[in-house]
Structures are given as C-alpha cells and as structure tokens.
Amino acid sequence: MAYTILTFLLYLILTIGYPLTYKVSLKWIDVTVLAFNTAISCAVIYHLFNGLGWDGFRGLLAIGFGVIYFGLGRFVEHRMANEKQTRVLFYGTSITFAVLVVPFQFGIEWLAIGWLVESIVIMLYANRCKLALLEKAGWAVFGLTVATFSLEILQYMNVLHVQRIDFFHVRYFAIMTGLIIVMVYYVLDQMKKESTKHFNGFARFIRGLKYFTLVNLWVYVIYESAYVFNQNVPDYYEHFSFYQWLLFSFISVGFGYALKKIPLLYDRMVSYFCLFLYVIGSLVGLLVTLTIPALGGSEYVYRLHRVGDLNWI
C-alpha cells in the first residue's frame, strides 16, 4: 500500500513539477501520463483495500484523491492562469472522485442525496469564488442527480418494486429542497448587474429551471398529500374518493394563490400556470360535487336497502 501511494505521488510530482516551476504548458504526453498514473494507482489501491477488508473506508480514499486534485487545480489556476487543459484535467478528476464518494462509502441507495449535496456545495462555492469551470462541473453533477432520481421514480412506479425502495419520501423531499435552493439562488443571481452567464441564453435556462421546479413542487405537494391521506384514511371509508379529490382541488387552488404572493417568482408564465391551477382545481371540485354523492346518494341508499331500513328516507 505504501509503495503504491509513493509511486503515485512520485509520478504526479515529477510530471507537474517542472511545468509548474517554470510556468510552461504541459505537453499531451504529460497529461496522458497523469491520466494513466491516476487510473492505475487508484485501481491498485482499491484492489488492496478490498484485499485488506477495508471496504468501509473506500469513500474516504476517494475524498483523499479528490482533495489532492482539487488542490492541484487551484494551484495551477493561480500559477498558470492560461493552462486551461491542465485545470480541466485536475478539476475533472476531483469531481469524478467526489461523485464516487457516495456510492463507495454509503452505498448506491444514497446516491441521489449524496450527489445532490455535493453538486449544490460545488455550484454555490464556485459561483461565489468566480470559478466558472468548477461551477459548470457542479451543474453537470446536479443534472446527473436529477436524472438518477428520475430513474428511481420510474422504478417506484413499478408495482413490483415499490417495497424495495427505502427512504423514497426522504429522497424526494431532499431533491425538491435542492431544486428550490438552486432555483432561488440563481434567480436572485440573475437580478444582479454582474449575473452569472456560462453560455448564451443562460438567463432563459434559469427561467426554465424556475418553471420546472414550480411544476415539480406542485406535483410533489399533491403526491405527498395523497400519500399522507391514504396512510391515515382507510380505503373502505364511505367518502374516501370524495375527500381525496377535494384535497387535490384545494391544494391546486391554494398553490396557485400562494405563487401570486411571491414577487420573486411571479411573472407572465407563472401567471398562466396559476390560471391553470385555478381552472383544474375548480373543475375537479365541480366534478366531484356533481358526480360523487357526499350526503346520501345512491351508495348510501343501497347500503340502507341492504339492512332493510328505508322507512325514514
């Protein structure tokens, strides 16, 4: 183990020592040696970890590699500001190890939440420190997080696997919280004179993120409310469907009303969304009132007819 670590550090220092000392660009062969040195050394070290039974520390090892390459990236950025290729290599390697920390240390079931926390920390830190390249990497991890959780939702929708997904509601809450934090932060950022612009149309992208987050927040509130309702109200309750649909109607209208009271988020597209919530909430409420009997109705008459008690109707 010690020999492998020393060999890794030796190749790393020898490869970048001269270019960083004399501020000359790394050649393609230098970058290739760095990449192979990292890949081979990591594979050997992780193989030794498994052989020694140190599986519980694999995530900590990934943190160590990530910190080393992040420090190298910062060092290159200060000493050789024009050396973009080397910075991309170091920061990219650091982000790769940061992504691997969660599955290595905590298991695949905590992948989405771990990546979510990492991406938000990276994005906000990089934005405050004006590290555009690192911030873009944070966005990439954030997108990977949303995509991973979307696959979990598809799995959750499969009836055969519902019971196999642990802490689904905790993860759902974490993902929505992360979306809201990122959305609010960048909406406020776009109001500044020196707003973040990673590419042309970044402001439109943030507006799209805002609409995406608000729609998903409405879906989340509806879903969790229905879940709580189903957990606390037995399905044999006489007016189960009546109150279940009324809950959907009230939440939709209330959500639309709440959005109108938040100037930071309210714009023309949000006003259309609020109108949609008013319409669908009112329509569902009207249909429920007209089609589902709550005070008597055919279902109640049928129940009384079964017991032969129709004299007082």
C-alpha atoms as a PDB file:
ATOM      1  CA  MET A   1       0.000   0.000   0.000  1.00  0.00           C
ATOM      2  CA  ALA A   2       2.737   2.476   0.955  1.00  0.00           C
ATOM      3  CA  TYR A   3       4.741   1.572  -2.147  1.00  0.00           C
ATOM      4  CA  THR A   4       1.741   2.196  -4.405  1.00  0.00           C
ATOM      5  CA  ILE A   5       0.984   5.570  -2.794  1.00  0.00           C
ATOM      6  CA  LEU A   6       4.623   6.672  -3.052  1.00  0.00           C
ATOM      7  CA  THR A   7       4.748   5.628  -6.701  1.00  0.00           C
ATOM      8  CA  PHE A   8       1.567   7.601  -7.405  1.00  0.00           C
ATOM      9  CA  LEU A   9       2.957  10.720  -5.719  1.00  0.00           C
ATOM     10  CA  LEU A  10       6.336  10.288  -7.444  1.00  0.00           C
ATOM     11  CA  TYR A  11       4.868  10.240 -10.954  1.00  0.00           C
ATOM     12  CA  LEU A  12       2.494  13.062 -10.055  1.00  0.00           C
ATOM     13  CA  ILE A  13       5.230  15.366  -8.693  1.00  0.00           C
ATOM     14  CA  LEU A  14       7.725  14.580 -11.450  1.00  0.00           C
ATOM     15  CA  THR A  15       5.154  15.161 -14.194  1.00  0.00           C
ATOM     16  CA  ILE A  16       3.832  18.509 -12.984  1.00  0.00           C
ATOM     17  CA  GLY A  17       6.864  19.782 -11.044  1.00  0.00           C
ATOM     18  CA  TYR A  18       8.831  21.242 -13.951  1.00  0.00           C
ATOM     19  CA  PRO A  19       5.872  22.839 -15.818  1.00  0.00           C
ATOM     20  CA  LEU A  20       4.550  24.463 -12.644  1.00  0.00           C
ATOM     21  CA  THR A  21       8.004  25.656 -11.524  1.00  0.00           C
ATOM     22  CA  TYR A  22       8.898  27.296 -14.833  1.00  0.00           C
ATOM     23  CA  LYS A  23       5.309  28.091 -15.877  1.00  0.00           C
ATOM     24  CA  VAL A  24       5.360  26.191 -19.131  1.00  0.00           C
ATOM     25  CA  SER A  25       2.428  24.305 -20.620  1.00  0.00           C
ATOM     26  CA  LEU A  26       2.075  20.594 -20.084  1.00  0.00           C
ATOM     27  CA  LYS A  27       2.514  18.548 -23.230  1.00  0.00           C
ATOM     28  CA  TRP A  28      -0.015  15.977 -24.299  1.00  0.00           C
ATOM     29  CA  ILE A  29       2.293  13.207 -23.163  1.00  0.00           C
ATOM     30  CA  ASP A  30       2.386  14.760 -19.671  1.00  0.00           C
ATOM     31  CA  VAL A  31      -1.416  14.822 -19.490  1.00  0.00           C
ATOM     32  CA  THR A  32      -1.520  11.219 -20.711  1.00  0.00           C
ATOM     33  CA  VAL A  33       0.968  10.120 -18.035  1.00  0.00           C
ATOM     34  CA  LEU A  34      -1.096  11.884 -15.360  1.00  0.00           C
ATOM     35  CA  ALA A  35      -4.280  10.183 -16.523  1.00  0.00           C
ATOM     36  CA  PHE A  36      -2.685   6.711 -16.614  1.00  0.00           C
ATOM     37  CA  ASN A  37      -0.930   7.280 -13.296  1.00  0.00           C
ATOM     38  CA  THR A  38      -4.228   8.173 -11.643  1.00  0.00           C
ATOM     39  CA  ALA A  39      -6.208   5.319 -13.192  1.00  0.00           C
ATOM     40  CA  ILE A  40      -3.630   2.596 -12.483  1.00  0.00           C
ATOM     41  CA  SER A  41      -2.777   3.799  -8.973  1.00  0.00           C
ATOM     42  CA  CYS A  42      -6.452   4.069  -7.988  1.00  0.00           C
ATOM     43  CA  ALA A  43      -7.221   0.605  -9.332  1.00  0.00           C
ATOM     44  CA  VAL A  44      -4.283  -0.925  -7.430  1.00  0.00           C
ATOM     45  CA  ILE A  45      -5.048   0.907  -4.184  1.00  0.00           C
ATOM     46  CA  TYR A  46      -8.739  -0.041  -4.258  1.00  0.00           C
ATOM     47  CA  HIS A  47      -7.773  -3.648  -5.012  1.00  0.00           C
ATOM     48  CA  LEU A  48      -5.507  -3.607  -1.951  1.00  0.00           C
ATOM     49  CA  PHE A  49      -8.305  -2.063   0.127  1.00  0.00           C
ATOM     50  CA  ASN A  50     -10.607  -4.928  -0.820  1.00  0.00           C
ATOM     51  CA  GLY A  51      -7.897  -7.464  -0.066  1.00  0.00           C
ATOM     52  CA  LEU A  52      -7.347  -5.981   3.400  1.00  0.00           C
ATOM     53  CA  GLY A  53     -11.085  -5.858   4.116  1.00  0.00           C
ATOM     54  CA  TRP A  54     -11.151  -2.060   4.320  1.00  0.00           C
ATOM     55  CA  ASP A  55     -14.274  -1.675   2.224  1.00  0.00           C
ATOM     56  CA  GLY A  56     -15.755   0.712   4.771  1.00  0.00           C
ATOM     57  CA  PHE A  57     -13.058   3.290   4.005  1.00  0.00           C
ATOM     58  CA  ARG A  58     -13.329   3.370   0.211  1.00  0.00           C
ATOM     59  CA  GLY A  59     -15.240   6.640   0.315  1.00  0.00           C
ATOM     60  CA  LEU A  60     -12.581   8.275   2.480  1.00  0.00           C
ATOM     61  CA  LEU A  61      -9.953   7.223  -0.037  1.00  0.00           C
ATOM     62  CA  ALA A  62     -11.977   8.868  -2.814  1.00  0.00           C
ATOM     63  CA  ILE A  63     -12.140  12.042  -0.709  1.00  0.00           C
ATOM     64  CA  GLY A  64      -8.356  11.982  -0.382  1.00  0.00           C
ATOM     65  CA  PHE A  65      -7.844  11.719  -4.141  1.00  0.00           C
ATOM     66  CA  GLY A  66     -10.461  14.414  -4.748  1.00  0.00           C
ATOM     67  CA  VAL A  67      -8.827  16.844  -2.331  1.00  0.00           C
ATOM     68  CA  ILE A  68      -5.399  16.292  -3.907  1.00  0.00           C
ATOM     69  CA  TYR A  69      -6.597  17.025  -7.420  1.00  0.00           C
ATOM     70  CA  PHE A  70      -8.762  19.947  -6.342  1.00  0.00           C
ATOM     71  CA  GLY A  71      -5.733  21.486  -4.627  1.00  0.00           C
ATOM     72  CA  LEU A  72      -3.677  20.933  -7.766  1.00  0.00           C
ATOM     73  CA  GLY A  73      -6.378  22.607  -9.835  1.00  0.00           C
ATOM     74  CA  ARG A  74      -6.410  25.652  -7.571  1.00  0.00           C
ATOM     75  CA  PHE A  75      -2.605  25.782  -7.610  1.00  0.00           C
ATOM     76  CA  VAL A  76      -2.472  25.670 -11.398  1.00  0.00           C
ATOM     77  CA  GLU A  77      -5.172  28.329 -11.609  1.00  0.00           C
ATOM     78  CA  HIS A  78      -3.083  30.738  -9.519  1.00  0.00           C
ATOM     79  CA  ARG A  79       0.324  29.929 -11.036  1.00  0.00           C
ATOM     80  CA  MET A  80      -0.681  29.309 -14.675  1.00  0.00           C
ATOM     81  CA  ALA A  81      -3.976  31.015 -15.408  1.00  0.00           C
ATOM     82  CA  ASN A  82      -3.789  30.208 -19.139  1.00  0.00           C
ATOM     83  CA  GLU A  83      -3.209  26.484 -18.631  1.00  0.00           C
ATOM     84  CA  LYS A  84      -6.833  25.515 -19.265  1.00  0.00           C
ATOM     85  CA  GLN A  85      -6.106  21.926 -20.309  1.00  0.00           C
ATOM     86  CA  THR A  86      -4.385  21.093 -17.030  1.00  0.00           C
ATOM     87  CA  ARG A  87      -7.062  22.772 -14.944  1.00  0.00           C
ATOM     88  CA  VAL A  88      -9.762  20.799 -16.735  1.00  0.00           C
ATOM     89  CA  LEU A  89      -7.848  17.581 -16.025  1.00  0.00           C
ATOM     90  CA  PHE A  90      -7.368  18.313 -12.315  1.00  0.00           C
ATOM     91  CA  TYR A  91     -10.835  19.680 -11.646  1.00  0.00           C
ATOM     92  CA  GLY A  92     -12.438  16.931 -13.718  1.00  0.00           C
ATOM     93  CA  THR A  93     -10.552  14.257 -11.793  1.00  0.00           C
ATOM     94  CA  SER A  94     -11.511  15.907  -8.497  1.00  0.00           C
ATOM     95  CA  ILE A  95     -15.191  15.972  -9.476  1.00  0.00           C
ATOM     96  CA  THR A  96     -15.005  12.334 -10.562  1.00  0.00           C
ATOM     97  CA  PHE A  97     -13.753  11.268  -7.146  1.00  0.00           C
ATOM     98  CA  ALA A  98     -16.335  13.485  -5.457  1.00  0.00           C
ATOM     99  CA  VAL A  99     -19.062  11.681  -7.401  1.00  0.00           C
ATOM    100  CA  LEU A 100     -17.641   8.300  -6.382  1.00  0.00           C
ATOM    101  CA  VAL A 101     -17.538   9.132  -2.650  1.00  0.00           C
ATOM    102  CA  VAL A 102     -21.231   8.464  -2.008  1.00  0.00           C
ATOM    103  CA  PRO A 103     -21.635   5.042  -3.662  1.00  0.00           C
ATOM    104  CA  PHE A 104     -18.253   3.893  -2.311  1.00  0.00           C
ATOM    105  CA  GLN A 105     -18.902   4.980   1.285  1.00  0.00           C
ATOM    106  CA  PHE A 106     -22.677   4.837   1.784  1.00  0.00           C
ATOM    107  CA  GLY A 107     -23.955   2.527  -0.934  1.00  0.00           C
ATOM    108  CA  ILE A 108     -25.967   3.004  -4.085  1.00  0.00           C
ATOM    109  CA  GLU A 109     -29.207   3.750  -2.197  1.00  0.00           C
ATOM    110  CA  TRP A 110     -27.870   7.140  -1.048  1.00  0.00           C
ATOM    111  CA  LEU A 111     -26.515   8.086  -4.454  1.00  0.00           C
ATOM    112  CA  ALA A 112     -29.062  10.787  -5.315  1.00  0.00           C
ATOM    113  CA  ILE A 113     -28.880  12.621  -1.973  1.00  0.00           C
ATOM    114  CA  GLY A 114     -25.081  12.451  -1.854  1.00  0.00           C
ATOM    115  CA  TRP A 115     -24.683  13.811  -5.363  1.00  0.00           C
ATOM    116  CA  LEU A 116     -27.297  16.457  -4.620  1.00  0.00           C
ATOM    117  CA  VAL A 117     -25.387  17.808  -1.625  1.00  0.00           C
ATOM    118  CA  GLU A 118     -22.079  17.690  -3.481  1.00  0.00           C
ATOM    119  CA  SER A 119     -23.430  19.471  -6.553  1.00  0.00           C
ATOM    120  CA  ILE A 120     -25.093  22.271  -4.565  1.00  0.00           C
ATOM    121  CA  VAL A 121     -21.973  22.871  -2.458  1.00  0.00           C
ATOM    122  CA  ILE A 122     -19.778  22.907  -5.570  1.00  0.00           C
ATOM    123  CA  MET A 123     -22.105  25.203  -7.520  1.00  0.00           C
ATOM    124  CA  LEU A 124     -22.619  27.762  -4.776  1.00  0.00           C
ATOM    125  CA  TYR A 125     -18.967  27.775  -3.721  1.00  0.00           C
ATOM    126  CA  ALA A 126     -17.744  28.094  -7.300  1.00  0.00           C
ATOM    127  CA  ASN A 127     -20.251  30.844  -8.054  1.00  0.00           C
ATOM    128  CA  ARG A 128     -19.204  32.878  -5.032  1.00  0.00           C
ATOM    129  CA  CYS A 129     -15.499  32.414  -5.856  1.00  0.00           C
ATOM    130  CA  LYS A 130     -15.988  33.021  -9.611  1.00  0.00           C
ATOM    131  CA  LEU A 131     -14.713  29.570 -10.597  1.00  0.00           C
ATOM    132  CA  ALA A 132     -16.668  29.119 -13.805  1.00  0.00           C
ATOM    133  CA  LEU A 133     -15.197  25.746 -14.758  1.00  0.00           C
ATOM    134  CA  LEU A 134     -15.882  24.236 -11.353  1.00  0.00           C
ATOM    135  CA  GLU A 135     -19.388  25.691 -11.353  1.00  0.00           C
ATOM    136  CA  LYS A 136     -20.126  24.033 -14.689  1.00  0.00           C
ATOM    137  CA  ALA A 137     -18.941  20.745 -13.220  1.00  0.00           C
ATOM    138  CA  GLY A 138     -21.344  21.272 -10.323  1.00  0.00           C
ATOM    139  CA  TRP A 139     -24.167  21.792 -12.797  1.00  0.00           C
ATOM    140  CA  ALA A 140     -23.197  18.554 -14.519  1.00  0.00           C
ATOM    141  CA  VAL A 141     -23.366  16.616 -11.232  1.00  0.00           C
ATOM    142  CA  PHE A 142     -26.684  18.319 -10.416  1.00  0.00           C
ATOM    143  CA  GLY A 143     -28.126  17.221 -13.753  1.00  0.00           C
ATOM    144  CA  LEU A 144     -26.826  13.713 -13.111  1.00  0.00           C
ATOM    145  CA  THR A 145     -28.578  13.770  -9.732  1.00  0.00           C
ATOM    146  CA  VAL A 146     -31.947  14.725 -11.213  1.00  0.00           C
ATOM    147  CA  ALA A 147     -31.568  12.072 -13.921  1.00  0.00           C
ATOM    148  CA  THR A 148     -30.683   9.398 -11.343  1.00  0.00           C
ATOM    149  CA  PHE A 149     -33.681  10.244  -9.177  1.00  0.00           C
ATOM    150  CA  SER A 150     -35.944  10.227 -12.244  1.00  0.00           C
ATOM    151  CA  LEU A 151     -34.906   6.610 -12.790  1.00  0.00           C
ATOM    152  CA  GLU A 152     -35.761   5.895  -9.153  1.00  0.00           C
ATOM    153  CA  ILE A 153     -39.214   7.381  -9.706  1.00  0.00           C
ATOM    154  CA  LEU A 154     -39.746   5.087 -12.693  1.00  0.00           C
ATOM    155  CA  GLN A 155     -38.709   2.176 -10.512  1.00  0.00           C
ATOM    156  CA  TYR A 156     -41.038   3.326  -7.738  1.00  0.00           C
ATOM    157  CA  MET A 157     -43.933   3.482 -10.201  1.00  0.00           C
ATOM    158  CA  ASN A 158     -43.353  -0.189 -10.987  1.00  0.00           C
ATOM    159  CA  VAL A 159     -45.684  -2.009  -8.604  1.00  0.00           C
ATOM    160  CA  LEU A 160     -43.329  -4.984  -8.334  1.00  0.00           C
ATOM    161  CA  HIS A 161     -40.571  -2.834  -6.842  1.00  0.00           C
ATOM    162  CA  VAL A 162     -42.473  -0.435  -4.591  1.00  0.00           C
ATOM    163  CA  GLN A 163     -41.428  -2.175  -1.400  1.00  0.00           C
ATOM    164  CA  ARG A 164     -37.751  -2.384  -2.402  1.00  0.00           C
ATOM    165  CA  ILE A 165     -37.030   1.328  -2.397  1.00  0.00           C
ATOM    166  CA  ASP A 166     -36.134   2.559   1.078  1.00  0.00           C
ATOM    167  CA  PHE A 167     -36.454   6.180   2.200  1.00  0.00           C
ATOM    168  CA  PHE A 168     -38.095   7.194  -1.088  1.00  0.00           C
ATOM    169  CA  HIS A 169     -40.014  10.054   0.525  1.00  0.00           C
ATOM    170  CA  VAL A 170     -36.865  11.313   2.268  1.00  0.00           C
ATOM    171  CA  ARG A 171     -35.047  11.366  -1.063  1.00  0.00           C
ATOM    172  CA  TYR A 172     -37.974  13.042  -2.792  1.00  0.00           C
ATOM    173  CA  PHE A 173     -38.013  15.765  -0.141  1.00  0.00           C
ATOM    174  CA  ALA A 174     -34.242  16.240  -0.451  1.00  0.00           C
ATOM    175  CA  ILE A 175     -34.380  16.524  -4.241  1.00  0.00           C
ATOM    176  CA  MET A 176     -37.187  19.096  -4.121  1.00  0.00           C
ATOM    177  CA  THR A 177     -35.356  21.074  -1.434  1.00  0.00           C
ATOM    178  CA  GLY A 178     -32.224  21.072  -3.582  1.00  0.00           C
ATOM    179  CA  LEU A 179     -34.161  22.214  -6.652  1.00  0.00           C
ATOM    180  CA  ILE A 180     -35.708  25.074  -4.693  1.00  0.00           C
ATOM    181  CA  ILE A 181     -32.338  26.171  -3.247  1.00  0.00           C
ATOM    182  CA  VAL A 182     -30.645  26.197  -6.661  1.00  0.00           C
ATOM    183  CA  MET A 183     -33.604  27.877  -8.330  1.00  0.00           C
ATOM    184  CA  VAL A 184     -33.924  30.670  -5.748  1.00  0.00           C
ATOM    185  CA  TYR A 185     -30.153  31.266  -5.637  1.00  0.00           C
ATOM    186  CA  TYR A 186     -29.787  31.663  -9.385  1.00  0.00           C
ATOM    187  CA  VAL A 187     -32.985  33.669  -9.770  1.00  0.00           C
ATOM    188  CA  LEU A 188     -31.542  36.140  -7.263  1.00  0.00           C
ATOM    189  CA  ASP A 189     -28.178  35.948  -9.029  1.00  0.00           C
ATOM    190  CA  GLN A 190     -29.765  36.910 -12.355  1.00  0.00           C
ATOM    191  CA  MET A 191     -31.094  40.110 -10.759  1.00  0.00           C
ATOM    192  CA  LYS A 192     -27.547  41.374 -10.155  1.00  0.00           C
ATOM    193  CA  LYS A 193     -25.654  43.594 -12.595  1.00  0.00           C
ATOM    194  CA  GLU A 194     -22.835  41.045 -12.887  1.00  0.00           C
ATOM    195  CA  SER A 195     -25.018  37.998 -13.159  1.00  0.00           C
ATOM    196  CA  THR A 196     -23.695  34.539 -13.991  1.00  0.00           C
ATOM    197  CA  LYS A 197     -23.574  33.764 -17.720  1.00  0.00           C
ATOM    198  CA  HIS A 198     -21.987  30.436 -18.528  1.00  0.00           C
ATOM    199  CA  PHE A 199     -23.342  30.435 -22.086  1.00  0.00           C
ATOM    200  CA  ASN A 200     -25.645  32.406 -24.337  1.00  0.00           C
ATOM    201  CA  GLY A 201     -29.183  32.091 -23.072  1.00  0.00           C
ATOM    202  CA  PHE A 202     -28.193  31.199 -19.511  1.00  0.00           C
ATOM    203  CA  ALA A 203     -30.838  33.602 -18.201  1.00  0.00           C
ATOM    204  CA  ARG A 204     -33.503  31.750 -20.215  1.00  0.00           C
ATOM    205  CA  PHE A 205     -32.155  28.480 -18.845  1.00  0.00           C
ATOM    206  CA  ILE A 206     -32.621  29.731 -15.276  1.00  0.00           C
ATOM    207  CA  ARG A 207     -36.175  30.812 -16.081  1.00  0.00           C
ATOM    208  CA  GLY A 208     -36.819  27.350 -17.469  1.00  0.00           C
ATOM    209  CA  LEU A 209     -35.367  25.858 -14.297  1.00  0.00           C
ATOM    210  CA  LYS A 210     -37.745  28.024 -12.280  1.00  0.00           C
ATOM    211  CA  TYR A 211     -40.790  26.791 -14.208  1.00  0.00           C
ATOM    212  CA  PHE A 212     -39.551  23.196 -13.999  1.00  0.00           C
ATOM    213  CA  THR A 213     -39.097  23.498 -10.223  1.00  0.00           C
ATOM    214  CA  LEU A 214     -42.513  25.098  -9.623  1.00  0.00           C
ATOM    215  CA  VAL A 215     -44.351  22.442 -11.628  1.00  0.00           C
ATOM    216  CA  ASN A 216     -42.471  19.662  -9.845  1.00  0.00           C
ATOM    217  CA  LEU A 217     -43.132  21.312  -6.486  1.00  0.00           C
ATOM    218  CA  TRP A 218     -46.870  21.257  -7.214  1.00  0.00           C
ATOM    219  CA  VAL A 219     -46.643  17.575  -8.196  1.00  0.00           C
ATOM    220  CA  TYR A 220     -44.631  16.858  -5.039  1.00  0.00           C
ATOM    221  CA  VAL A 221     -47.153  18.552  -2.747  1.00  0.00           C
ATOM    222  CA  ILE A 222     -50.024  16.704  -4.440  1.00  0.00           C
ATOM    223  CA  TYR A 223     -48.213  13.383  -4.198  1.00  0.00           C
ATOM    224  CA  GLU A 224     -47.174  13.718  -0.560  1.00  0.00           C
ATOM    225  CA  SER A 225     -50.617  14.973   0.466  1.00  0.00           C
ATOM    226  CA  ALA A 226     -52.243  11.991  -1.223  1.00  0.00           C
ATOM    227  CA  TYR A 227     -49.725   9.693   0.460  1.00  0.00           C
ATOM    228  CA  VAL A 228     -50.472  11.113   3.918  1.00  0.00           C
ATOM    229  CA  PHE A 229     -54.203  10.931   3.205  1.00  0.00           C
ATOM    230  CA  ASN A 230     -54.004   7.290   2.102  1.00  0.00           C
ATOM    231  CA  GLN A 231     -51.926   6.376   5.149  1.00  0.00           C
ATOM    232  CA  ASN A 232     -54.398   7.881   7.609  1.00  0.00           C
ATOM    233  CA  VAL A 233     -57.779   7.286   5.976  1.00  0.00           C
ATOM    234  CA  PRO A 234     -58.921   3.685   5.365  1.00  0.00           C
ATOM    235  CA  ASP A 235     -59.879   2.929   1.777  1.00  0.00           C
ATOM    236  CA  TYR A 236     -63.203   1.463   2.925  1.00  0.00           C
ATOM    237  CA  TYR A 237     -64.257   4.869   4.249  1.00  0.00           C
ATOM    238  CA  GLU A 238     -67.563   5.783   2.580  1.00  0.00           C
ATOM    239  CA  HIS A 239     -66.398   9.177   1.242  1.00  0.00           C
ATOM    240  CA  PHE A 240     -62.771   8.260   0.557  1.00  0.00           C
ATOM    241  CA  SER A 241     -62.769   9.341  -3.110  1.00  0.00           C
ATOM    242  CA  PHE A 242     -64.792  12.465  -2.372  1.00  0.00           C
ATOM    243  CA  TYR A 243     -62.286  13.918   0.089  1.00  0.00           C
ATOM    244  CA  GLN A 244     -59.297  12.631  -1.864  1.00  0.00           C
ATOM    245  CA  TRP A 245     -60.285  14.617  -4.962  1.00  0.00           C
ATOM    246  CA  LEU A 246     -61.316  17.640  -2.918  1.00  0.00           C
ATOM    247  CA  LEU A 247     -57.842  17.605  -1.356  1.00  0.00           C
ATOM    248  CA  PHE A 248     -56.344  17.744  -4.855  1.00  0.00           C
ATOM    249  CA  SER A 249     -58.648  20.628  -5.749  1.00  0.00           C
ATOM    250  CA  PHE A 250     -57.901  22.697  -2.626  1.00  0.00           C
ATOM    251  CA  ILE A 251     -54.132  22.170  -2.888  1.00  0.00           C
ATOM    252  CA  SER A 252     -54.071  23.175  -6.561  1.00  0.00           C
ATOM    253  CA  VAL A 253     -56.017  26.380  -5.977  1.00  0.00           C
ATOM    254  CA  GLY A 254     -54.051  27.173  -2.819  1.00  0.00           C
ATOM    255  CA  PHE A 255     -50.730  26.583  -4.584  1.00  0.00           C
ATOM    256  CA  GLY A 256     -51.714  28.946  -7.369  1.00  0.00           C
ATOM    257  CA  TYR A 257     -52.793  31.594  -4.870  1.00  0.00           C
ATOM    258  CA  ALA A 258     -49.504  31.266  -2.929  1.00  0.00           C
ATOM    259  CA  LEU A 259     -47.421  31.723  -6.090  1.00  0.00           C
ATOM    260  CA  LYS A 260     -49.132  35.006  -6.830  1.00  0.00           C
ATOM    261  CA  LYS A 261     -47.971  36.309  -3.452  1.00  0.00           C
ATOM    262  CA  ILE A 262     -44.253  35.708  -4.182  1.00  0.00           C
ATOM    263  CA  PRO A 263     -42.954  38.611  -6.342  1.00  0.00           C
ATOM    264  CA  LEU A 264     -39.551  36.966  -6.803  1.00  0.00           C
ATOM    265  CA  LEU A 265     -41.101  34.055  -8.724  1.00  0.00           C
ATOM    266  CA  TYR A 266     -44.153  35.643 -10.296  1.00  0.00           C
ATOM    267  CA  ASP A 267     -44.020  36.525 -13.999  1.00  0.00           C
ATOM    268  CA  ARG A 268     -46.223  36.088 -17.063  1.00  0.00           C
ATOM    269  CA  MET A 269     -45.554  32.349 -17.460  1.00  0.00           C
ATOM    270  CA  VAL A 270     -46.143  31.776 -13.754  1.00  0.00           C
ATOM    271  CA  SER A 271     -49.414  33.709 -14.056  1.00  0.00           C
ATOM    272  CA  TYR A 272     -50.505  31.254 -16.777  1.00  0.00           C
ATOM    273  CA  PHE A 273     -49.526  28.375 -14.517  1.00  0.00           C
ATOM    274  CA  CYS A 274     -51.556  29.884 -11.668  1.00  0.00           C
ATOM    275  CA  LEU A 275     -54.519  30.218 -14.025  1.00  0.00           C
ATOM    276  CA  PHE A 276     -54.120  26.568 -14.978  1.00  0.00           C
ATOM    277  CA  LEU A 277     -54.111  25.593 -11.284  1.00  0.00           C
ATOM    278  CA  TYR A 278     -57.251  27.654 -10.650  1.00  0.00           C
ATOM    279  CA  VAL A 279     -59.029  26.060 -13.616  1.00  0.00           C
ATOM    280  CA  ILE A 280     -58.065  22.467 -12.882  1.00  0.00           C
ATOM    281  CA  GLY A 281     -58.728  22.878  -9.155  1.00  0.00           C
ATOM    282  CA  SER A 282     -62.155  24.440  -9.740  1.00  0.00           C
ATOM    283  CA  LEU A 283     -63.038  21.917 -12.436  1.00  0.00           C
ATOM    284  CA  VAL A 284     -62.137  18.949 -10.253  1.00  0.00           C
ATOM    285  CA  GLY A 285     -64.025  20.456  -7.324  1.00  0.00           C
ATOM    286  CA  LEU A 286     -67.099  20.979  -9.519  1.00  0.00           C
ATOM    287  CA  LEU A 287     -66.974  17.458 -10.962  1.00  0.00           C
ATOM    288  CA  VAL A 288     -66.559  15.951  -7.505  1.00  0.00           C
ATOM    289  CA  THR A 289     -69.515  17.906  -6.178  1.00  0.00           C
ATOM    290  CA  LEU A 290     -71.748  16.879  -9.096  1.00  0.00           C
ATOM    291  CA  THR A 291     -70.729  13.239  -9.514  1.00  0.00           C
ATOM    292  CA  ILE A 292     -69.710  11.873  -6.105  1.00  0.00           C
ATOM    293  CA  PRO A 293     -72.524  11.800  -3.510  1.00  0.00           C
ATOM    294  CA  ALA A 294     -71.420  13.003  -0.109  1.00  0.00           C
ATOM    295  CA  LEU A 295     -74.724  13.482   1.730  1.00  0.00           C
ATOM    296  CA  GLY A 296     -76.683  10.353   0.899  1.00  0.00           C
ATOM    297  CA  GLY A 297     -76.834   9.388  -2.761  1.00  0.00           C
ATOM    298  CA  SER A 298     -77.250   6.029  -4.442  1.00  0.00           C
ATOM    299  CA  GLU A 299     -74.426   4.363  -2.499  1.00  0.00           C
ATOM    300  CA  TYR A 300     -75.994   5.317   0.837  1.00  0.00           C
ATOM    301  CA  VAL A 301     -79.475   4.227  -0.298  1.00  0.00           C
ATOM    302  CA  TYR A 302     -78.063   0.907  -1.425  1.00  0.00           C
ATOM    303  CA  ARG A 303     -76.426   0.385   1.987  1.00  0.00           C
ATOM    304  CA  LEU A 304     -79.713   1.135   3.787  1.00  0.00           C
ATOM    305  CA  HIS A 305     -81.638  -1.082   1.412  1.00  0.00           C
ATOM    306  CA  ARG A 306     -79.320  -3.966   2.341  1.00  0.00           C
ATOM    307  CA  VAL A 307     -80.327  -3.642   6.005  1.00  0.00           C
ATOM    308  CA  GLY A 308     -83.990  -3.061   5.171  1.00  0.00           C
ATOM    309  CA  ASP A 309     -84.138   0.412   6.729  1.00  0.00           C
ATOM    310  CA  LEU A 310     -85.737   2.678   4.115  1.00  0.00           C
ATOM    311  CA  ASN A 311     -88.761   3.841   6.126  1.00  0.00           C
ATOM    312  CA  TRP A 312     -87.339   7.205   7.200  1.00  0.00           C
ATOM    313  CA  ILE A 313     -85.729   8.235   3.879  1.00  0.00           C
END
